[in-house]
Protein backbone atom coordinates (compact mmCIF):
# COMPACT_ATOMS: atom_id res chain seq x y z
CA UNK A 1 100.56 -73.91 -227.78
CA UNK A 2 101.59 -70.58 -229.19
CA UNK A 3 99.70 -68.64 -231.88
CA UNK A 4 101.90 -69.91 -234.73
CA UNK A 5 101.33 -73.56 -233.72
CA UNK A 6 97.58 -72.94 -233.36
CA UNK A 7 97.46 -71.29 -236.79
CA UNK A 8 99.26 -74.28 -238.37
CA UNK A 9 96.72 -76.66 -236.81
CA UNK A 10 93.77 -74.56 -238.01
CA UNK A 11 95.19 -74.23 -241.53
CA UNK A 12 95.79 -77.99 -241.72
CA UNK A 13 92.25 -78.71 -240.54
CA UNK A 14 90.86 -76.20 -243.06
CA UNK A 15 92.85 -77.85 -245.87
CA UNK A 16 91.59 -81.29 -244.82
CA UNK A 17 88.00 -80.02 -244.68
CA UNK A 18 88.35 -78.43 -248.12
CA UNK A 19 89.85 -81.62 -249.55
CA UNK A 20 87.01 -83.69 -248.06
CA UNK A 21 84.36 -81.35 -249.49
CA UNK A 22 86.09 -81.37 -252.87
CA UNK A 23 86.14 -85.18 -252.89
CA UNK A 24 82.47 -85.34 -251.90
CA UNK A 25 81.55 -82.94 -254.71
CA UNK A 26 83.62 -84.91 -257.24
CA UNK A 27 81.97 -88.22 -256.33
CA UNK A 28 78.50 -86.65 -256.30
CA UNK A 29 78.67 -85.82 -260.02
CA UNK A 30 77.81 -88.63 -262.41
CA UNK A 31 78.85 -91.56 -260.29
CA UNK A 32 75.48 -93.26 -260.61
CA UNK A 33 74.19 -92.96 -257.05
CA UNK A 34 71.94 -89.90 -257.17
CA UNK A 35 71.55 -89.75 -260.94
CA UNK A 36 72.06 -93.01 -262.81
CA UNK A 37 71.64 -91.25 -266.18
CA UNK A 38 75.23 -90.16 -266.73
CA UNK A 39 78.07 -90.49 -269.22
CA UNK A 40 81.83 -90.33 -268.95
CA UNK A 41 83.68 -88.20 -271.45
CA UNK A 42 87.27 -87.55 -272.49
CA UNK A 43 88.88 -84.95 -274.73
CA UNK A 44 91.01 -87.07 -277.05
CA UNK A 45 92.57 -86.01 -280.35
CA UNK A 46 90.72 -82.69 -280.32
CA UNK A 47 87.24 -84.22 -279.80
CA UNK A 48 84.95 -85.09 -276.94
CA UNK A 49 84.44 -88.85 -276.83
CA UNK A 50 81.53 -90.19 -274.79
CA UNK A 51 80.80 -93.55 -273.17
CA UNK A 52 77.59 -94.57 -271.42
CA UNK A 53 77.04 -97.32 -268.86
CA UNK A 54 75.23 -100.36 -270.17
CA UNK A 55 72.49 -102.29 -268.40
CA UNK A 56 72.81 -100.47 -265.09
CA UNK A 57 76.55 -101.13 -264.88
CA UNK A 58 79.27 -98.62 -264.28
CA UNK A 59 81.66 -97.20 -266.83
CA UNK A 60 85.03 -95.59 -266.12
CA UNK A 61 87.52 -93.66 -268.19
CA UNK A 62 90.15 -96.32 -267.69
CA UNK A 63 87.86 -99.17 -268.74
CA UNK A 64 86.89 -97.41 -271.97
CA UNK A 65 90.00 -95.56 -273.16
CA UNK A 66 92.73 -96.81 -270.84
CA UNK A 67 94.54 -94.90 -268.11
CA UNK A 68 97.57 -94.23 -270.30
CA UNK A 69 95.33 -92.04 -272.50
CA UNK A 70 92.92 -90.50 -270.02
CA UNK A 71 95.50 -89.66 -267.37
CA UNK A 72 96.95 -87.23 -269.94
CA UNK A 73 93.56 -85.91 -271.13
CA UNK A 74 90.83 -83.62 -269.92
CA UNK A 75 88.01 -85.90 -268.81
CA UNK A 76 84.92 -85.93 -266.66
CA UNK A 77 81.38 -87.02 -266.08
CA UNK A 78 78.08 -85.50 -267.16
CA UNK A 79 74.61 -85.96 -265.70
CA UNK A 80 72.02 -85.80 -268.44
CA UNK A 81 69.11 -85.05 -266.12
CA UNK A 82 70.73 -82.33 -264.02
CA UNK A 83 73.21 -80.85 -266.49
CA UNK A 84 76.06 -81.06 -263.97
CA UNK A 85 79.46 -81.63 -265.53
CA UNK A 86 82.83 -82.39 -264.00
CA UNK A 87 86.18 -81.66 -265.58
CA UNK A 88 89.28 -83.44 -264.36
CA UNK A 89 92.40 -81.77 -265.65
CA UNK A 90 95.57 -83.69 -266.51
CA UNK A 91 98.04 -83.62 -263.63
CA UNK A 92 100.51 -81.43 -265.51
CA UNK A 93 97.80 -78.77 -266.03
CA UNK A 94 95.99 -78.97 -262.70
CA UNK A 95 96.90 -75.42 -261.68
CA UNK A 96 95.59 -73.90 -264.91
CA UNK A 97 92.07 -73.32 -266.16
CA UNK A 98 90.47 -75.46 -268.80
CA UNK A 99 91.46 -74.16 -272.26
CA UNK A 100 88.84 -72.44 -274.36
CA UNK A 101 89.12 -75.04 -277.13
CA UNK A 102 88.22 -77.80 -274.64
CA UNK A 103 85.30 -75.78 -273.22
CA UNK A 104 83.98 -75.16 -276.72
CA UNK A 105 84.14 -78.88 -277.50
CA UNK A 106 82.32 -79.65 -274.24
CA UNK A 107 79.53 -77.19 -275.06
CA UNK A 108 79.16 -78.71 -278.54
CA UNK A 109 78.91 -82.20 -277.05
CA UNK A 110 76.51 -81.37 -274.21
CA UNK A 111 73.76 -78.89 -274.98
CA UNK A 112 72.30 -78.72 -271.45
CA UNK A 113 74.95 -77.73 -268.90
CA UNK A 114 73.86 -76.15 -265.61
CA UNK A 115 77.02 -76.45 -263.48
CA UNK A 116 80.67 -77.02 -264.34
CA UNK A 117 83.08 -78.16 -261.63
CA UNK A 118 86.81 -78.39 -262.28
CA UNK A 119 89.05 -80.76 -260.36
């Protein structure tokens, strides 16, 4: 194996490790395992809309608003107890930061935010 081949293997492994860590972080925020006190949210029509699980069940963006809406919207999960918040950007905007207007709406909706993670 020459240096170029070795470098390609290392870069691929690093990308896979990063993707695995990113997935683990995503699923650790507001998915009910470590902190069952969470909500799902979506930025729809210029407002943050919030849904909470009922009676220990799970709630998803698709089950509340439908995938046709939330796949085109900023959305995420929020842990009330820890203040951790995830932001999932619409596919067409995944390489850009979250717009200021969306961040302002998020901060109005959730008064206790400790960590924000964008995906």
